[in-house]
N, C-alpha and C. Protein backbone atom coordinates (compact mmCIF):
# COMPACT_ATOMS: atom_id res chain seq x y z
N MET A 1 20.95 24.10 39.80
CA MET A 1 19.50 24.29 39.78
C MET A 1 18.79 22.98 39.45
N ALA A 2 19.34 22.20 38.52
CA ALA A 2 18.73 20.93 38.12
C ALA A 2 18.73 19.94 39.28
N ASP A 3 19.85 19.91 40.04
CA ASP A 3 19.92 19.00 41.18
C ASP A 3 18.91 19.37 42.26
N GLU A 4 18.72 20.67 42.46
CA GLU A 4 17.75 21.13 43.47
C GLU A 4 16.33 20.67 43.12
N GLN A 5 15.99 20.73 41.83
CA GLN A 5 14.64 20.36 41.39
C GLN A 5 14.51 18.86 41.14
N GLY A 6 15.62 18.13 41.16
CA GLY A 6 15.58 16.68 40.93
C GLY A 6 15.35 16.34 39.46
N LEU A 7 15.81 17.24 38.57
CA LEU A 7 15.65 17.03 37.13
C LEU A 7 17.01 16.89 36.47
N ASP A 8 17.02 16.74 35.15
CA ASP A 8 18.25 16.58 34.39
C ASP A 8 18.58 17.85 33.64
N LEU A 9 19.89 18.11 33.47
CA LEU A 9 20.37 19.23 32.68
C LEU A 9 20.72 18.68 31.30
N VAL A 10 19.95 19.07 30.26
CA VAL A 10 20.13 18.51 28.92
C VAL A 10 20.70 19.59 28.01
N GLU A 11 21.78 19.24 27.30
CA GLU A 11 22.42 20.16 26.37
C GLU A 11 21.65 20.14 25.05
N ILE A 12 21.09 21.27 24.65
CA ILE A 12 20.28 21.37 23.45
C ILE A 12 21.15 21.58 22.22
N SER A 13 21.96 22.64 22.21
CA SER A 13 22.86 22.88 21.07
C SER A 13 24.27 23.17 21.60
N PRO A 14 25.15 22.20 21.47
CA PRO A 14 26.50 22.35 22.02
C PRO A 14 27.39 23.31 21.23
N ASN A 15 27.06 23.58 19.97
CA ASN A 15 27.90 24.43 19.13
C ASN A 15 27.64 25.92 19.33
N ALA A 16 26.57 26.26 20.01
CA ALA A 16 26.25 27.68 20.23
C ALA A 16 27.24 28.28 21.22
N ASN A 17 27.35 29.60 21.23
CA ASN A 17 28.26 30.27 22.17
C ASN A 17 27.49 31.25 23.01
N PRO A 18 27.19 31.03 24.25
CA PRO A 18 27.50 29.86 25.08
C PRO A 18 26.55 28.69 24.76
N PRO A 19 26.95 27.43 25.11
CA PRO A 19 26.09 26.27 24.83
C PRO A 19 24.72 26.40 25.49
N VAL A 20 23.69 25.98 24.76
CA VAL A 20 22.32 26.10 25.26
C VAL A 20 21.93 24.82 25.99
N CYS A 21 21.44 24.95 27.22
CA CYS A 21 21.01 23.81 28.02
C CYS A 21 19.58 24.04 28.50
N LYS A 22 18.92 22.93 28.87
CA LYS A 22 17.53 23.01 29.32
C LYS A 22 17.38 22.07 30.52
N ILE A 23 16.62 22.52 31.51
CA ILE A 23 16.35 21.68 32.67
C ILE A 23 15.03 20.95 32.42
N MET A 24 15.09 19.59 32.39
CA MET A 24 13.89 18.81 32.12
C MET A 24 14.06 17.40 32.68
N ASP A 25 12.94 16.68 32.73
CA ASP A 25 12.98 15.27 33.11
C ASP A 25 13.23 14.49 31.82
N TYR A 26 14.47 14.01 31.64
CA TYR A 26 14.87 13.40 30.37
C TYR A 26 14.11 12.12 30.07
N LYS A 27 13.85 11.29 31.09
CA LYS A 27 13.10 10.03 30.89
C LYS A 27 11.69 10.33 30.40
N LYS A 28 11.08 11.36 30.99
CA LYS A 28 9.72 11.75 30.57
C LYS A 28 9.74 12.25 29.13
N PHE A 29 10.78 13.01 28.77
CA PHE A 29 10.93 13.54 27.42
C PHE A 29 11.03 12.40 26.42
N LEU A 30 11.86 11.38 26.72
CA LEU A 30 12.00 10.22 25.83
C LEU A 30 10.68 9.47 25.69
N TYR A 31 9.97 9.31 26.81
CA TYR A 31 8.68 8.63 26.79
C TYR A 31 7.68 9.36 25.90
N GLU A 32 7.60 10.68 26.03
CA GLU A 32 6.69 11.49 25.21
C GLU A 32 7.06 11.37 23.73
N GLN A 33 8.36 11.37 23.44
CA GLN A 33 8.81 11.28 22.05
C GLN A 33 8.41 9.93 21.43
N LYS A 34 8.60 8.84 22.18
CA LYS A 34 8.20 7.52 21.70
C LYS A 34 6.70 7.46 21.47
N LYS A 35 5.96 8.05 22.37
CA LYS A 35 4.49 8.08 22.27
C LYS A 35 4.06 8.80 21.00
N ARG A 36 4.69 9.94 20.71
CA ARG A 36 4.38 10.72 19.50
C ARG A 36 4.69 9.91 18.24
N GLU A 37 5.85 9.27 18.22
CA GLU A 37 6.25 8.46 17.06
C GLU A 37 5.28 7.31 16.83
N LYS A 38 4.85 6.68 17.91
CA LYS A 38 3.91 5.56 17.81
C LYS A 38 2.57 6.04 17.25
N ALA A 39 2.12 7.22 17.69
CA ALA A 39 0.86 7.77 17.19
C ALA A 39 0.95 8.07 15.70
N LEU A 40 2.08 8.62 15.26
CA LEU A 40 2.28 8.92 13.84
C LEU A 40 2.32 7.64 13.02
N LYS A 41 2.97 6.61 13.58
CA LYS A 41 3.08 5.33 12.88
C LYS A 41 1.72 4.68 12.71
N SER A 42 0.87 4.78 13.71
CA SER A 42 -0.45 4.16 13.63
C SER A 42 -1.37 4.87 12.64
N LYS A 43 -1.12 6.16 12.42
CA LYS A 43 -1.94 6.92 11.47
C LYS A 43 -1.50 6.68 10.03
N ALA A 44 -0.28 6.18 9.83
CA ALA A 44 0.22 5.92 8.48
C ALA A 44 -0.62 4.81 7.86
N THR A 45 -0.95 4.98 6.58
CA THR A 45 -1.79 3.99 5.92
C THR A 45 -0.97 2.79 5.49
N LYS A 46 -1.52 1.64 5.72
CA LYS A 46 -0.87 0.40 5.31
C LYS A 46 -1.50 -0.04 3.99
N VAL A 47 -0.66 -0.31 3.01
CA VAL A 47 -1.15 -0.69 1.69
C VAL A 47 -1.35 -2.21 1.66
N VAL A 48 -2.57 -2.61 1.37
CA VAL A 48 -2.89 -4.02 1.26
C VAL A 48 -3.04 -4.35 -0.22
N VAL A 49 -2.39 -5.43 -0.65
CA VAL A 49 -2.49 -5.84 -2.05
C VAL A 49 -3.25 -7.16 -2.12
N LYS A 50 -4.37 -7.15 -2.82
CA LYS A 50 -5.16 -8.36 -3.02
C LYS A 50 -4.92 -8.87 -4.44
N GLU A 51 -4.91 -10.19 -4.57
CA GLU A 51 -4.65 -10.77 -5.89
C GLU A 51 -5.88 -11.48 -6.43
N ILE A 52 -6.07 -11.37 -7.74
CA ILE A 52 -7.12 -12.12 -8.43
C ILE A 52 -6.47 -12.81 -9.62
N ARG A 53 -6.69 -14.11 -9.73
CA ARG A 53 -6.02 -14.91 -10.76
C ARG A 53 -7.03 -15.38 -11.80
N PHE A 54 -6.66 -15.20 -13.04
CA PHE A 54 -7.48 -15.65 -14.16
C PHE A 54 -6.69 -16.64 -15.00
N GLY A 55 -7.40 -17.43 -15.78
CA GLY A 55 -6.78 -18.25 -16.82
C GLY A 55 -7.02 -17.55 -18.14
N PRO A 56 -6.31 -17.90 -19.20
CA PRO A 56 -6.51 -17.20 -20.47
C PRO A 56 -7.91 -17.41 -21.05
N GLN A 57 -8.56 -18.54 -20.74
CA GLN A 57 -9.91 -18.78 -21.25
C GLN A 57 -10.95 -18.77 -20.12
N THR A 58 -10.87 -17.77 -19.24
CA THR A 58 -11.83 -17.67 -18.14
C THR A 58 -13.21 -17.39 -18.70
N ASP A 59 -14.20 -18.16 -18.22
CA ASP A 59 -15.58 -18.06 -18.69
C ASP A 59 -16.23 -16.78 -18.15
N ASP A 60 -17.35 -16.35 -18.77
CA ASP A 60 -18.04 -15.12 -18.36
C ASP A 60 -18.52 -15.17 -16.91
N HIS A 61 -19.08 -16.30 -16.50
CA HIS A 61 -19.60 -16.41 -15.13
C HIS A 61 -18.47 -16.28 -14.11
N ASP A 62 -17.37 -16.96 -14.37
CA ASP A 62 -16.22 -16.88 -13.47
C ASP A 62 -15.65 -15.46 -13.45
N TYR A 63 -15.62 -14.83 -14.62
CA TYR A 63 -15.13 -13.47 -14.73
C TYR A 63 -15.98 -12.52 -13.88
N GLU A 64 -17.31 -12.64 -14.01
CA GLU A 64 -18.22 -11.77 -13.24
C GLU A 64 -18.03 -11.99 -11.74
N PHE A 65 -17.88 -13.26 -11.34
CA PHE A 65 -17.70 -13.61 -9.94
C PHE A 65 -16.43 -12.96 -9.38
N LYS A 66 -15.34 -13.04 -10.14
CA LYS A 66 -14.08 -12.46 -9.70
C LYS A 66 -14.12 -10.93 -9.76
N LYS A 67 -14.89 -10.40 -10.70
CA LYS A 67 -15.03 -8.95 -10.81
C LYS A 67 -15.72 -8.38 -9.57
N LYS A 68 -16.73 -9.12 -9.04
CA LYS A 68 -17.41 -8.68 -7.81
C LYS A 68 -16.44 -8.62 -6.65
N HIS A 69 -15.56 -9.63 -6.56
CA HIS A 69 -14.55 -9.63 -5.50
C HIS A 69 -13.60 -8.45 -5.68
N ALA A 70 -13.21 -8.17 -6.91
CA ALA A 70 -12.31 -7.06 -7.20
C ALA A 70 -12.93 -5.73 -6.77
N ILE A 71 -14.22 -5.56 -7.05
CA ILE A 71 -14.93 -4.33 -6.66
C ILE A 71 -14.92 -4.19 -5.15
N LYS A 72 -15.17 -5.29 -4.45
CA LYS A 72 -15.18 -5.28 -2.98
C LYS A 72 -13.81 -4.88 -2.45
N PHE A 73 -12.75 -5.45 -3.02
CA PHE A 73 -11.39 -5.14 -2.57
C PHE A 73 -11.07 -3.66 -2.77
N LEU A 74 -11.44 -3.12 -3.94
CA LEU A 74 -11.16 -1.72 -4.24
C LEU A 74 -11.97 -0.79 -3.34
N LYS A 75 -13.22 -1.16 -3.03
CA LYS A 75 -14.03 -0.34 -2.13
C LYS A 75 -13.46 -0.33 -0.72
N ASP A 76 -12.83 -1.45 -0.32
CA ASP A 76 -12.21 -1.54 1.00
C ASP A 76 -10.89 -0.77 1.05
N GLY A 77 -10.41 -0.29 -0.09
CA GLY A 77 -9.19 0.51 -0.12
C GLY A 77 -7.92 -0.27 -0.38
N ALA A 78 -8.05 -1.52 -0.82
CA ALA A 78 -6.87 -2.34 -1.11
C ALA A 78 -6.49 -2.20 -2.58
N LYS A 79 -5.19 -2.33 -2.86
CA LYS A 79 -4.75 -2.36 -4.25
C LYS A 79 -5.08 -3.73 -4.81
N LEU A 80 -5.24 -3.79 -6.11
CA LEU A 80 -5.60 -5.05 -6.76
C LEU A 80 -4.50 -5.46 -7.73
N LYS A 81 -4.09 -6.71 -7.61
CA LYS A 81 -3.12 -7.27 -8.55
C LYS A 81 -3.85 -8.36 -9.31
N ALA A 82 -4.23 -8.06 -10.54
CA ALA A 82 -4.94 -9.04 -11.36
C ALA A 82 -3.93 -9.65 -12.31
N PHE A 83 -3.95 -10.96 -12.40
CA PHE A 83 -3.02 -11.60 -13.34
C PHE A 83 -3.63 -12.81 -14.01
N VAL A 84 -3.16 -13.03 -15.23
CA VAL A 84 -3.56 -14.21 -16.01
C VAL A 84 -2.37 -15.15 -15.96
N PHE A 85 -2.63 -16.38 -15.53
CA PHE A 85 -1.57 -17.38 -15.41
C PHE A 85 -1.65 -18.33 -16.59
N PHE A 86 -0.56 -18.41 -17.34
CA PHE A 86 -0.51 -19.28 -18.51
C PHE A 86 0.16 -20.60 -18.13
N LYS A 87 -0.58 -21.71 -18.29
CA LYS A 87 -0.03 -23.03 -17.98
C LYS A 87 0.37 -23.71 -19.28
N GLY A 88 1.51 -24.36 -19.26
CA GLY A 88 1.94 -25.16 -20.41
C GLY A 88 1.96 -24.37 -21.70
N ARG A 89 1.23 -24.86 -22.69
CA ARG A 89 1.24 -24.23 -24.02
C ARG A 89 0.21 -23.11 -24.16
N SER A 90 -0.51 -22.83 -23.10
CA SER A 90 -1.53 -21.77 -23.20
C SER A 90 -0.89 -20.39 -23.38
N ILE A 91 0.44 -20.31 -23.32
CA ILE A 91 1.14 -19.04 -23.53
C ILE A 91 0.88 -18.49 -24.94
N VAL A 92 0.42 -19.35 -25.87
CA VAL A 92 0.11 -18.86 -27.22
C VAL A 92 -1.12 -17.96 -27.22
N PHE A 93 -1.89 -17.95 -26.11
CA PHE A 93 -3.09 -17.10 -26.01
C PHE A 93 -2.80 -15.80 -25.27
N LYS A 94 -1.62 -15.21 -25.49
CA LYS A 94 -1.24 -13.97 -24.81
C LYS A 94 -2.26 -12.87 -25.06
N GLU A 95 -2.74 -12.79 -26.31
CA GLU A 95 -3.69 -11.72 -26.67
C GLU A 95 -4.98 -11.87 -25.86
N GLN A 96 -5.46 -13.12 -25.69
CA GLN A 96 -6.68 -13.34 -24.91
C GLN A 96 -6.50 -12.88 -23.47
N GLY A 97 -5.33 -13.15 -22.90
CA GLY A 97 -5.03 -12.72 -21.54
C GLY A 97 -5.03 -11.21 -21.43
N GLN A 98 -4.43 -10.56 -22.40
CA GLN A 98 -4.37 -9.10 -22.38
C GLN A 98 -5.77 -8.50 -22.56
N ILE A 99 -6.57 -9.08 -23.44
CA ILE A 99 -7.94 -8.60 -23.65
C ILE A 99 -8.74 -8.75 -22.36
N LEU A 100 -8.56 -9.86 -21.66
CA LEU A 100 -9.26 -10.12 -20.40
C LEU A 100 -8.91 -9.07 -19.35
N LEU A 101 -7.63 -8.77 -19.20
CA LEU A 101 -7.20 -7.78 -18.20
C LEU A 101 -7.66 -6.37 -18.57
N LEU A 102 -7.63 -6.03 -19.85
CA LEU A 102 -8.08 -4.70 -20.27
C LEU A 102 -9.59 -4.56 -20.07
N ARG A 103 -10.32 -5.66 -20.29
CA ARG A 103 -11.77 -5.66 -20.05
C ARG A 103 -12.05 -5.43 -18.56
N LEU A 104 -11.25 -6.09 -17.70
CA LEU A 104 -11.39 -5.91 -16.25
C LEU A 104 -11.12 -4.45 -15.88
N ALA A 105 -10.06 -3.87 -16.45
CA ALA A 105 -9.71 -2.47 -16.16
C ALA A 105 -10.85 -1.55 -16.56
N GLN A 106 -11.47 -1.84 -17.71
CA GLN A 106 -12.57 -1.01 -18.18
C GLN A 106 -13.80 -1.14 -17.27
N ASP A 107 -14.07 -2.37 -16.81
CA ASP A 107 -15.22 -2.60 -15.92
C ASP A 107 -15.02 -1.98 -14.54
N LEU A 108 -13.78 -1.87 -14.09
CA LEU A 108 -13.49 -1.34 -12.75
C LEU A 108 -13.10 0.14 -12.79
N GLU A 109 -13.35 0.79 -13.92
CA GLU A 109 -12.93 2.18 -14.11
C GLU A 109 -13.48 3.12 -13.05
N GLU A 110 -14.73 2.91 -12.61
CA GLU A 110 -15.32 3.82 -11.62
C GLU A 110 -14.85 3.55 -10.20
N PHE A 111 -14.24 2.39 -9.95
CA PHE A 111 -13.80 2.03 -8.60
C PHE A 111 -12.29 2.23 -8.40
N GLY A 112 -11.52 2.16 -9.47
CA GLY A 112 -10.07 2.32 -9.35
C GLY A 112 -9.44 2.69 -10.68
N LYS A 113 -8.19 3.10 -10.61
CA LYS A 113 -7.48 3.45 -11.84
C LYS A 113 -6.29 2.51 -12.03
N VAL A 114 -5.96 2.26 -13.28
CA VAL A 114 -4.89 1.33 -13.61
C VAL A 114 -3.55 1.98 -13.26
N GLU A 115 -2.78 1.28 -12.42
CA GLU A 115 -1.47 1.77 -12.03
C GLU A 115 -0.39 1.26 -12.99
N GLN A 116 -0.58 0.02 -13.43
CA GLN A 116 0.37 -0.57 -14.39
C GLN A 116 -0.42 -1.37 -15.41
N MET A 117 -0.20 -1.07 -16.66
CA MET A 117 -0.90 -1.78 -17.74
C MET A 117 -0.43 -3.24 -17.78
N PRO A 118 -1.23 -4.13 -18.40
CA PRO A 118 -0.85 -5.55 -18.45
C PRO A 118 0.54 -5.74 -19.03
N LYS A 119 1.36 -6.50 -18.30
CA LYS A 119 2.74 -6.73 -18.71
C LYS A 119 3.06 -8.20 -18.48
N LEU A 120 3.69 -8.84 -19.45
CA LEU A 120 4.02 -10.26 -19.35
C LEU A 120 5.32 -10.43 -18.58
N GLU A 121 5.26 -11.20 -17.48
CA GLU A 121 6.45 -11.52 -16.69
C GLU A 121 6.49 -13.03 -16.53
N GLY A 122 7.32 -13.68 -17.31
CA GLY A 122 7.41 -15.14 -17.26
C GLY A 122 6.13 -15.76 -17.79
N LYS A 123 5.45 -16.55 -16.94
CA LYS A 123 4.20 -17.19 -17.36
C LYS A 123 2.97 -16.43 -16.88
N ARG A 124 3.18 -15.24 -16.37
CA ARG A 124 2.06 -14.43 -15.86
C ARG A 124 1.97 -13.11 -16.60
N MET A 125 0.75 -12.64 -16.82
CA MET A 125 0.53 -11.30 -17.33
C MET A 125 -0.12 -10.52 -16.19
N ILE A 126 0.58 -9.51 -15.70
CA ILE A 126 0.18 -8.83 -14.47
C ILE A 126 -0.29 -7.41 -14.75
N MET A 127 -1.32 -6.98 -13.98
CA MET A 127 -1.82 -5.62 -14.05
C MET A 127 -2.17 -5.16 -12.63
N PHE A 128 -1.82 -3.92 -12.28
CA PHE A 128 -2.13 -3.37 -10.97
C PHE A 128 -3.21 -2.31 -11.10
N ILE A 129 -4.17 -2.33 -10.15
CA ILE A 129 -5.23 -1.32 -10.10
C ILE A 129 -5.25 -0.73 -8.69
N ALA A 130 -5.19 0.58 -8.60
CA ALA A 130 -5.24 1.26 -7.31
C ALA A 130 -6.64 1.81 -7.08
N PRO A 131 -7.13 1.80 -5.84
CA PRO A 131 -8.47 2.30 -5.57
C PRO A 131 -8.54 3.82 -5.74
N LYS A 132 -9.71 4.31 -6.14
CA LYS A 132 -9.89 5.76 -6.23
C LYS A 132 -10.18 6.27 -4.83
N LYS A 133 -9.72 7.49 -4.56
CA LYS A 133 -9.93 8.08 -3.24
C LYS A 133 -11.37 8.47 -3.07
N ASN A 134 -11.94 8.10 -1.91
CA ASN A 134 -13.34 8.45 -1.63
C ASN A 134 -13.40 9.86 -1.05
N LYS A 135 -14.39 10.62 -1.53
CA LYS A 135 -14.52 12.01 -1.04
C LYS A 135 -15.69 12.14 -0.10
């Protein structure tokens, strides 16, 4: 029957008794399947991570400037990686770095939620903020 119609005979479940087969255009089936997978892949959300770097003694004006950028990133739906970079002996100001990041988290409370609290990794103190879902 498949040869008469110019189609392929495809075995669906070989373990069944008797085996189940289907008459179809196999190339068209593969094409449709790839198309469906591509559509699903394009709908998947891509996570963008933006970084903002501070020093332990970042001034108020610089802080406000960077905070505006952080708000913009969170509104655009990107995750935010805020970190304080300690150069040389400035590592003795760990508390100042932590206070700075916690202040940022408090200021950005309405735009995103803290995913990871400030944590010291080497010469950096890192904090992640995820955007809040818009309704």
